[in-house]
Each structure stands twice: as structure tokens, then as C-alpha cells.
Amino acid sequence: MELNRRTVIAGAAAAGVAASTLGGTAHAAGQESSFGARKPVRELFGTLADGTKVHRWSLANGGTRLKVLSYGGIVQSLEIPDRHGRYANVSLGYDDLDAYVAGTTFFGATIGRYGNRIAKGRFTLDGKDYQLSVNDGENSLHGGAQGFNTKVWDVEPFTSGTDVGLRLRYVSPDGEMGYPGTLRTKVTYTLTRHGDWRIDYEAVTDRPTVVNLTNHTYYNLAGEGSGSIYGHELWLAAGRYTPTDAGLIPTGELARVKGTPFDFTRPKQIGRDIRTGHPQLVTAKGFDHNFVLDKGVTARPVHVVTLRDTDSGRTLRISTDQPGVQFYSGNFLDGTLVGPSGHTYRQGDGLALETQHFPDSPNQPAFPSTVLRPGRTYRTTTVHSFDA
């Protein structure tokens, strides 16, 4: 009989079953009182070269445990139980601050001002041309060389009823990385009593600008450092995707997934078609594409992604109000990066599912707009739900 997650964690708590984290510190499932809310706790994680202190916040609720850095709003650890109540950190990352500062993988980071790529780092808004920081060949990626993933955010812990969480704030000055306008950004991480991890993004500007915020957590539901995610099953509510050129910039086409390796409209293993030789997979060295969600932009989050590791039973469901999801299959992990488990990350050892507007949308009139104007508030929500 398949047990749901709440049954598993409640039973583990009652029995005081020891739950071991893959490659990490062992935890006893019964240590959290009925797996209820645990007030966020702050500790020093490291110090930047300029003397700025970086803190790590730990919080837990509903059987989910989260560790977040003030540097980059980075999710450093996300622990959830398997079908037997055994915990594992299912997010890729590092054990120390220096690795995050030196890294180019965006592990767990809050991405801004603009998630994904903008062609040649250029766009035109209201008749004015803007040149952005270029950090991915000739293109701008994830906000440029010093995007939001490199900033130290102000962090405020909170409890609200049965929820616990963190409010992260950062003010991006006019002209930062070439973007116009002073952008005041708030990102709220909430753990609910059911163990859901909710992200609410908000931003306001004093000049017209473009905004596309997202989170870049890499998942391996078997546990970070455990090997490939090619055996994970993935479902995406997307009948189309955006093919790219050699620089991974969308061509403007909204191509149908039916009959191609990009068809995840029924659950299938990620590795089943990844080596088929499809030209798009050859260019990207795997999946690194925006999937066009059938629902489009919605007023509330809608369930659009299910990721499942059949061995552990761990399941991730993602709901969002955004029109796209960038599915990246960890193509450029090359064995040189070492995670907190002490294991190296090789190609396909983690994957990202970034809820977003489409890449290069400032230059693609047919794509949903990412323009934010004074007097308006950018708001978007993504919810991650876990089961086993």
C-alpha cells in the first residue's frame, strides 16, 4: 500500500524513527514537535571579502526543513522524507560561502532582475536602447555578472498562524547591470503546516524596466550527491516549447512537443529520450528549454509540474501563475563541483525547474511581456508541494 507523506511523517514522529540524511548529519524524525512549525534560527555562515557577514536561516514546518542564506537568497538545503520517513537534502549546493561566491551554477539562488537569457544583453523599451551586463557568451544570463544571486539580502523571519518563513528584501539601484530604474524587491519564503514551500515575489520600480524573477534550486529527489536524475519521472502541463538557436536564445517559434523528446505531457523518465540526437538536445547538451504552459498566465498558482523519484517515493509538485517553466537537466555539471555530502556533481546529477516568463521576452513581441512600470507592482507566486 502506498502511504501519503503526512501519514509517513506522522508515523515516524510517533515512533521516533531515526531519519538519516544522505551524506549529511543524521536527524531523528521525532525531534520536531509533531513536525510543526520551528521558529527560524539564524547562524553565521561566512564573511565576504569586504567584511559583510552572511547568515544562514534554518526553519521547518509540516515535515519540510529549509536552510536559506542571506547571500543570494540561496536555498542551501531542502530536506524532505522518503516513504519510510528517512530524510535527505534534495537540493544541490555547497558547504561554504567561498564556493557560492566563486560558483557559476546559481545553485539555489534567487534570480533577478531577469531570469534566463536576453540576446546580446540588449533590449529597447519606450524607444530607448539598453545594454546589459553580458556573462553568457554574447548574451546576458540571470541578471548579469552581478545579479541578485550575488547580493546580500535583508532577511526578516516571521511566523503567521501555522506558517513560518522569511522575508528577503533587496533594492537594486538604477543602472545596476544596465537595467533602468530603482527596483525594490521582496521575496517571501513560507513553509506551511502541510510542508509546502511557497515563494511570493514582489517588486516596484520608479522607471519603466523589465523584471523576471525566479528561483534556481537544483533538485535530486534521491538526495544530493546520490547520482543521476535521469531515472526521475517528469510531467509537464506544456504542449509547446520554445526552440533555441546555438546561443540558447528562443527563435520565436512555439513548437509542439508531440512526437518529440520534449513531450512530458504524460509522465516519463527524464533519461528516456535525452540521448536521441534531436538537434535541440545536441545544442543544449540535454534539456535547457522553456516549456510553454498550457494554462498561460493565471491569477493564482496552478499545478503544472510533477517530479517523482520512484525508488524513494519522494514527489515534488509545482504550482505557479507564470506562463513558462525552464527545465534544465544539469547539462554543464562536469565533476569539478563538490556538494555538502562530499560527492562531486556530474552531468545530470540535478535538475532545475524555473517558473518564469519566457527567455528573451523583452525582444520577442509575441511572448508575454515582462515590462514593469511605476505605479504597478510585480507579483508572482510559485508553490512547491512534497509527498512520498
Protein backbone atom coordinates (compact mmCIF):
# COMPACT_ATOMS: atom_id res chain seq x y z
CA MET A 1 0.00 0.00 0.00
CA GLU A 2 1.31 3.46 -0.96
CA LEU A 3 1.28 5.80 2.05
CA ASN A 4 0.98 9.54 1.60
CA ARG A 5 3.58 11.89 3.05
CA ARG A 6 1.59 13.10 6.01
CA THR A 7 0.92 9.53 7.13
CA VAL A 8 4.61 8.68 6.81
CA ILE A 9 5.92 11.68 8.77
CA ALA A 10 3.29 11.41 11.48
CA GLY A 11 4.13 7.74 11.98
CA ALA A 12 7.84 8.48 12.02
CA ALA A 13 7.37 11.19 14.64
CA ALA A 14 5.26 8.97 16.87
CA ALA A 15 7.71 6.11 16.68
CA GLY A 16 10.79 8.34 16.98
CA VAL A 17 12.22 6.66 13.90
CA ALA A 18 15.75 7.77 13.09
CA ALA A 19 15.86 9.52 9.74
CA SER A 20 19.28 9.74 8.11
CA THR A 21 20.20 12.46 5.68
CA LEU A 22 22.06 11.19 2.61
CA GLY A 23 25.70 12.12 3.02
CA GLY A 24 24.91 14.52 5.85
CA THR A 25 24.02 14.76 9.51
CA ALA A 26 21.53 12.25 10.86
CA HIS A 27 18.26 13.63 12.21
CA ALA A 28 15.60 11.95 14.30
CA ALA A 29 12.16 12.45 12.83
CA GLY A 30 10.72 12.83 16.32
CA GLN A 31 12.95 15.81 17.14
CA GLU A 32 10.41 18.21 15.66
CA SER A 33 7.33 18.55 17.82
CA SER A 34 4.62 16.81 15.75
CA PHE A 35 6.50 18.14 12.72
CA GLY A 36 5.01 21.52 13.48
CA ALA A 37 6.47 24.96 12.92
CA ARG A 38 10.01 25.62 14.09
CA LYS A 39 10.86 29.28 14.51
CA PRO A 40 13.55 30.44 12.07
CA VAL A 41 17.03 30.33 13.62
CA ARG A 42 19.96 32.43 12.41
CA GLU A 43 23.64 31.48 12.43
CA LEU A 44 26.77 32.94 10.86
CA PHE A 45 27.61 31.14 7.60
CA GLY A 46 30.62 33.17 6.48
CA THR A 47 32.10 36.58 5.72
CA LEU A 48 32.62 38.18 2.32
CA ALA A 49 35.92 39.75 1.29
CA ASP A 50 34.60 43.24 2.15
CA GLY A 51 33.72 42.12 5.68
CA THR A 52 29.98 41.69 5.12
CA LYS A 53 28.58 38.89 7.24
CA VAL A 54 26.41 36.24 5.61
CA HIS A 55 23.91 34.36 7.74
CA ARG A 56 22.10 31.08 7.31
CA TRP A 57 18.49 30.76 8.43
CA SER A 58 17.04 27.35 9.34
CA LEU A 59 13.30 26.76 9.51
CA ALA A 60 10.97 23.77 9.48
CA ASN A 61 7.27 23.07 9.22
CA GLY A 62 4.99 20.21 8.23
CA GLY A 63 7.92 17.84 7.84
CA THR A 64 9.91 20.09 5.46
CA ARG A 65 13.25 21.61 6.54
CA LEU A 66 14.76 24.57 4.76
CA LYS A 67 18.08 26.43 5.10
CA VAL A 68 18.43 29.79 3.36
CA LEU A 69 21.41 32.13 3.02
CA SER A 70 21.21 35.91 3.14
CA TYR A 71 23.72 35.79 0.25
CA GLY A 72 21.70 35.49 -2.95
CA GLY A 73 18.60 34.32 -1.09
CA ILE A 74 20.12 30.91 -1.71
CA VAL A 75 18.38 27.70 -0.68
CA GLN A 76 21.38 25.88 0.76
CA SER A 77 19.45 22.82 1.91
CA LEU A 78 15.95 21.43 1.43
CA GLU A 79 15.23 18.27 3.41
CA ILE A 80 12.16 16.09 2.92
CA PRO A 81 11.39 12.49 3.98
CA ASP A 82 11.00 9.45 1.76
CA ARG A 83 8.16 6.93 2.02
CA HIS A 84 9.79 5.47 5.15
CA GLY A 85 10.27 8.85 6.87
CA ARG A 86 14.02 8.99 6.10
CA TYR A 87 15.26 12.49 5.39
CA ALA A 88 17.55 13.64 2.59
CA ASN A 89 18.70 17.02 1.37
CA VAL A 90 17.23 17.09 -2.15
CA SER A 91 18.88 20.35 -3.32
CA LEU A 92 22.37 20.70 -4.76
CA GLY A 93 24.73 23.24 -3.23
CA TYR A 94 27.92 23.90 -1.33
CA ASP A 95 29.17 23.65 2.23
CA ASP A 96 30.86 27.05 2.42
CA LEU A 97 30.40 30.64 1.31
CA ASP A 98 33.55 30.84 -0.83
CA ALA A 99 32.20 28.16 -3.16
CA TYR A 100 28.96 30.09 -3.68
CA VAL A 101 30.87 33.32 -4.38
CA ALA A 102 33.14 31.58 -6.90
CA GLY A 103 30.42 29.42 -8.42
CA THR A 104 28.69 29.93 -11.76
CA THR A 105 25.90 27.37 -11.38
CA PHE A 106 23.36 29.55 -9.50
CA PHE A 107 22.71 26.70 -7.02
CA GLY A 108 19.54 27.52 -5.07
CA ALA A 109 19.69 31.24 -5.85
CA THR A 110 17.11 33.96 -6.20
CA ILE A 111 17.47 35.17 -9.79
CA GLY A 112 16.96 38.76 -10.97
CA ARG A 113 16.45 41.21 -12.35
CA TYR A 114 15.77 38.97 -15.27
CA GLY A 115 15.74 35.18 -15.06
CA ASN A 116 17.12 33.37 -18.10
CA ARG A 117 18.72 34.91 -21.20
CA ILE A 118 18.44 38.19 -23.07
CA ALA A 119 20.00 38.11 -26.54
CA LYS A 120 23.24 40.05 -26.80
CA GLY A 121 22.33 41.70 -23.49
CA ARG A 122 20.25 44.30 -25.33
CA PHE A 123 16.67 45.43 -25.38
CA THR A 124 14.66 48.50 -26.32
CA LEU A 125 11.99 49.95 -24.04
CA ASP A 126 9.88 53.01 -24.89
CA GLY A 127 12.22 53.81 -27.77
CA LYS A 128 15.40 53.74 -25.67
CA ASP A 129 18.14 51.12 -26.08
CA TYR A 130 19.70 49.43 -23.07
CA GLN A 131 22.93 47.43 -22.86
CA LEU A 132 23.10 44.89 -20.04
CA SER A 133 25.94 43.01 -18.43
CA VAL A 134 26.96 40.15 -20.74
CA ASN A 135 28.00 36.95 -18.94
CA ASP A 136 26.98 34.02 -21.16
CA GLY A 137 28.89 34.29 -24.40
CA GLU A 138 27.37 37.33 -26.10
CA ASN A 139 24.18 37.11 -24.03
CA SER A 140 23.05 38.26 -20.58
CA LEU A 141 22.07 35.40 -18.25
CA HIS A 142 20.14 35.60 -14.96
CA GLY A 143 20.62 39.33 -14.47
CA GLY A 144 24.25 39.62 -15.49
CA ALA A 145 27.64 39.08 -13.87
CA GLN A 146 26.48 40.56 -10.54
CA GLY A 147 22.83 39.57 -10.50
CA PHE A 148 20.59 39.17 -7.48
CA ASN A 149 22.25 35.82 -6.74
CA THR A 150 25.39 37.74 -5.66
CA LYS A 151 23.67 40.27 -3.38
CA VAL A 152 23.31 40.15 0.40
CA TRP A 153 19.59 40.43 1.15
CA ASP A 154 17.98 41.86 4.27
CA VAL A 155 16.18 38.95 5.94
CA GLU A 156 13.26 39.18 8.35
CA PRO A 157 11.90 35.98 9.94
CA PHE A 158 8.19 35.68 10.65
CA THR A 159 5.51 33.39 11.99
CA SER A 160 1.90 33.75 10.84
CA GLY A 161 -0.64 31.38 12.31
CA THR A 162 0.66 27.91 11.49
CA ASP A 163 3.11 29.23 8.85
CA VAL A 164 6.76 30.18 9.28
CA GLY A 165 9.01 31.95 6.85
CA LEU A 166 11.47 34.60 5.77
CA ARG A 167 11.00 37.94 4.03
CA LEU A 168 14.02 38.87 1.92
CA ARG A 169 14.47 42.40 0.59
CA TYR A 170 16.93 43.94 -1.84
CA VAL A 171 16.98 47.36 -3.50
CA SER A 172 18.60 47.32 -6.94
CA PRO A 173 19.80 50.82 -7.89
CA ASP A 174 19.05 52.47 -11.22
CA GLY A 175 21.54 51.25 -13.82
CA GLU A 176 22.67 48.14 -11.96
CA MET A 177 23.85 45.60 -14.57
CA GLY A 178 22.46 48.06 -17.16
CA TYR A 179 18.81 47.85 -16.08
CA PRO A 180 16.82 51.09 -15.81
CA GLY A 181 15.04 52.17 -12.65
CA THR A 182 15.49 51.57 -8.95
CA LEU A 183 13.82 48.22 -8.25
CA ARG A 184 12.62 47.43 -4.73
CA THR A 185 12.26 43.68 -4.42
CA LYS A 186 10.72 41.45 -1.75
CA VAL A 187 10.84 37.66 -1.88
CA THR A 188 8.93 35.72 0.76
CA TYR A 189 9.71 32.09 1.56
CA THR A 190 6.90 30.41 3.51
CA LEU A 191 6.71 26.88 4.92
CA THR A 192 3.10 25.90 5.58
CA ARG A 193 1.78 23.43 8.13
CA HIS A 194 1.43 20.94 5.28
CA GLY A 195 5.14 21.26 4.45
CA ASP A 196 4.59 23.26 1.24
CA TRP A 197 7.32 25.72 0.28
CA ARG A 198 5.74 28.85 -1.17
CA ILE A 199 7.66 31.67 -2.87
CA ASP A 200 6.00 35.07 -3.32
CA TYR A 201 7.84 37.66 -5.40
CA GLU A 202 7.07 41.39 -5.36
CA ALA A 203 8.79 44.37 -6.97
CA VAL A 204 8.15 48.05 -7.67
CA THR A 205 10.12 50.48 -9.80
CA ASP A 206 10.49 54.24 -10.28
CA ARG A 207 11.17 53.93 -14.04
CA PRO A 208 9.94 51.50 -16.71
CA THR A 209 12.06 48.35 -16.61
CA VAL A 210 11.87 44.61 -17.25
CA VAL A 211 11.53 42.04 -14.46
CA ASN A 212 11.51 38.23 -14.46
CA LEU A 213 12.26 36.80 -11.00
CA THR A 214 12.68 33.09 -10.30
CA ASN A 215 14.45 30.53 -8.12
CA HIS A 216 17.26 28.29 -9.35
CA THR A 217 17.22 25.33 -6.96
CA TYR A 218 18.65 22.13 -8.45
CA TYR A 219 16.73 19.04 -7.36
CA ASN A 220 17.68 15.43 -6.91
CA LEU A 221 14.85 13.71 -5.06
CA ALA A 222 17.05 10.72 -4.24
CA GLY A 223 19.32 13.10 -2.31
CA GLU A 224 22.08 15.45 -3.44
CA GLY A 225 25.25 13.61 -4.37
CA SER A 226 23.36 10.34 -4.95
CA GLY A 227 23.86 10.21 -8.72
CA SER A 228 21.82 10.91 -11.83
CA ILE A 229 18.29 12.27 -12.06
CA TYR A 230 17.71 10.52 -15.40
CA GLY A 231 15.55 7.92 -13.64
CA HIS A 232 13.21 10.58 -12.21
CA GLU A 233 9.77 10.74 -13.79
CA LEU A 234 8.65 14.17 -15.02
CA TRP A 235 5.24 15.51 -16.05
CA LEU A 236 4.81 18.99 -17.53
CA ALA A 237 1.49 20.56 -18.46
CA ALA A 238 3.02 22.00 -21.62
CA GLY A 239 2.04 21.14 -25.18
CA ARG A 240 4.64 23.50 -26.64
CA TYR A 241 8.19 24.66 -26.00
CA THR A 242 10.46 27.39 -27.34
CA PRO A 243 13.27 26.03 -29.56
CA THR A 244 16.56 27.92 -29.36
CA ASP A 245 19.48 28.92 -31.52
CA ALA A 246 23.08 27.95 -30.80
CA GLY A 247 23.25 30.54 -28.01
CA LEU A 248 20.14 29.08 -26.33
CA ILE A 249 18.08 32.14 -27.31
CA PRO A 250 14.49 31.32 -28.38
CA THR A 251 13.91 31.53 -32.12
CA GLY A 252 10.37 32.85 -31.56
CA GLU A 253 8.71 29.58 -32.55
CA LEU A 254 6.26 27.89 -30.17
CA ALA A 255 6.88 24.32 -31.27
CA ARG A 256 4.61 21.39 -30.44
CA VAL A 257 6.11 18.75 -28.15
CA LYS A 258 4.03 15.90 -29.56
CA GLY A 259 6.21 13.31 -31.25
CA THR A 260 9.44 14.82 -29.90
CA PRO A 261 11.69 14.15 -26.87
CA PHE A 262 10.15 17.30 -25.34
CA ASP A 263 6.80 15.62 -24.75
CA PHE A 264 6.31 15.29 -20.99
CA THR A 265 2.53 15.61 -21.16
CA ARG A 266 2.49 12.07 -19.79
CA PRO A 267 4.99 11.17 -17.05
CA LYS A 268 8.22 9.67 -18.38
CA GLN A 269 11.76 9.19 -17.21
CA ILE A 270 13.99 12.17 -17.95
CA GLY A 271 16.70 9.95 -19.39
CA ARG A 272 14.44 8.07 -21.80
CA ASP A 273 14.89 10.43 -24.76
CA ILE A 274 17.75 12.66 -23.66
CA ARG A 275 20.32 10.98 -25.94
CA THR A 276 18.13 10.62 -29.04
CA GLY A 277 20.23 13.03 -31.11
CA HIS A 278 17.45 15.57 -31.53
CA PRO A 279 19.17 18.77 -32.78
CA GLN A 280 17.81 20.83 -29.88
CA LEU A 281 19.18 18.34 -27.34
CA VAL A 282 22.54 18.27 -29.08
CA THR A 283 22.78 22.09 -28.99
CA ALA A 284 21.92 22.32 -25.29
CA LYS A 285 23.68 19.06 -24.30
CA GLY A 286 20.35 17.94 -22.88
CA PHE A 287 17.23 19.79 -21.83
CA ASP A 288 17.67 23.52 -21.25
CA HIS A 289 14.43 24.85 -22.66
CA ASN A 290 11.43 26.93 -21.77
CA PHE A 291 8.18 24.96 -21.75
CA VAL A 292 5.07 26.92 -22.68
CA LEU A 293 2.47 26.07 -20.06
CA ASP A 294 -0.96 25.26 -21.47
CA LYS A 295 -2.66 27.43 -18.85
CA GLY A 296 -0.79 30.65 -19.74
CA VAL A 297 -0.64 33.45 -17.17
CA THR A 298 -3.15 32.84 -14.36
CA ALA A 299 -4.41 34.83 -11.40
CA ARG A 300 -3.49 32.03 -8.98
CA PRO A 301 -0.93 29.22 -8.97
CA VAL A 302 -1.97 26.14 -10.97
CA HIS A 303 -0.35 22.69 -10.73
CA VAL A 304 1.88 22.33 -13.81
CA VAL A 305 4.83 20.07 -12.83
CA THR A 306 5.20 16.72 -11.10
CA LEU A 307 8.65 15.24 -10.49
CA ARG A 308 8.95 11.81 -8.86
CA ASP A 309 11.77 9.53 -7.74
CA THR A 310 10.18 6.09 -7.75
CA ASP A 311 12.86 4.50 -5.56
CA SER A 312 12.40 6.83 -2.58
CA GLY A 313 8.82 7.78 -3.36
CA ARG A 314 9.66 11.46 -2.98
CA THR A 315 7.46 13.61 -5.19
CA LEU A 316 7.62 17.32 -5.98
CA ARG A 317 4.60 19.16 -7.37
CA ILE A 318 4.98 22.73 -8.58
CA SER A 319 2.13 25.21 -8.97
CA THR A 320 2.64 28.65 -10.48
CA ASP A 321 0.85 31.63 -12.02
CA GLN A 322 3.67 32.07 -14.56
CA PRO A 323 3.36 31.13 -18.28
CA GLY A 324 6.58 29.11 -18.55
CA VAL A 325 8.93 26.68 -16.85
CA GLN A 326 12.59 26.38 -17.79
CA PHE A 327 13.58 22.72 -17.49
CA TYR A 328 17.36 22.36 -17.19
CA SER A 329 18.76 18.84 -16.83
CA GLY A 330 22.13 19.78 -15.29
CA ASN A 331 23.97 19.52 -18.61
CA PHE A 332 27.03 21.53 -17.59
CA LEU A 333 27.81 19.85 -14.28
CA ASP A 334 31.26 18.50 -15.05
CA GLY A 335 32.51 16.63 -11.98
CA THR A 336 34.57 19.53 -10.61
CA LEU A 337 32.00 20.72 -8.03
CA VAL A 338 31.71 19.10 -4.61
CA GLY A 339 28.46 19.20 -2.64
CA PRO A 340 27.89 19.15 1.12
CA SER A 341 27.75 15.34 1.01
CA GLY A 342 31.37 15.29 -0.18
CA HIS A 343 30.33 13.86 -3.56
CA THR A 344 31.06 15.52 -6.90
CA TYR A 345 28.31 16.63 -9.27
CA ARG A 346 28.44 15.24 -12.79
CA GLN A 347 26.22 15.84 -15.80
CA GLY A 348 22.63 15.05 -14.95
CA ASP A 349 23.12 14.86 -11.17
CA GLY A 350 20.48 17.55 -10.61
CA LEU A 351 17.81 19.46 -12.47
CA ALA A 352 16.20 22.89 -12.26
CA LEU A 353 12.55 23.78 -12.88
CA GLU A 354 12.42 27.58 -13.05
CA THR A 355 8.94 29.15 -13.18
CA GLN A 356 9.19 32.24 -15.35
CA HIS A 357 8.18 34.39 -18.26
CA PHE A 358 9.86 33.28 -21.49
CA PRO A 359 13.57 33.86 -22.19
CA ASP A 360 14.39 36.98 -24.24
CA SER A 361 10.83 38.24 -23.91
CA PRO A 362 11.95 41.92 -23.98
CA ASN A 363 12.98 41.27 -27.62
CA GLN A 364 10.12 38.96 -28.61
CA PRO A 365 6.84 40.88 -29.04
CA ALA A 366 4.84 37.66 -29.37
CA PHE A 367 5.93 36.49 -25.89
CA PRO A 368 4.15 37.58 -22.67
CA SER A 369 5.53 40.95 -21.57
CA THR A 370 7.96 41.39 -18.67
CA VAL A 371 7.70 45.21 -18.57
CA LEU A 372 7.08 46.79 -15.15
CA ARG A 373 6.07 50.46 -14.90
CA PRO A 374 5.95 52.92 -11.99
CA GLY A 375 2.75 52.68 -10.01
CA ARG A 376 2.39 48.96 -10.73
CA THR A 377 3.52 46.05 -8.55
CA TYR A 378 5.13 42.93 -9.97
CA ARG A 379 3.67 39.91 -8.17
CA THR A 380 4.07 36.22 -8.82
CA THR A 381 3.78 33.05 -6.73
CA THR A 382 5.17 29.53 -7.01
CA VAL A 383 4.32 26.71 -4.61
CA HIS A 384 6.37 23.54 -4.11
CA SER A 385 4.46 20.64 -2.54
CA PHE A 386 6.11 17.41 -1.40
CA ASP A 387 4.84 13.88 -0.95
CA ALA A 388 6.17 10.35 -0.61
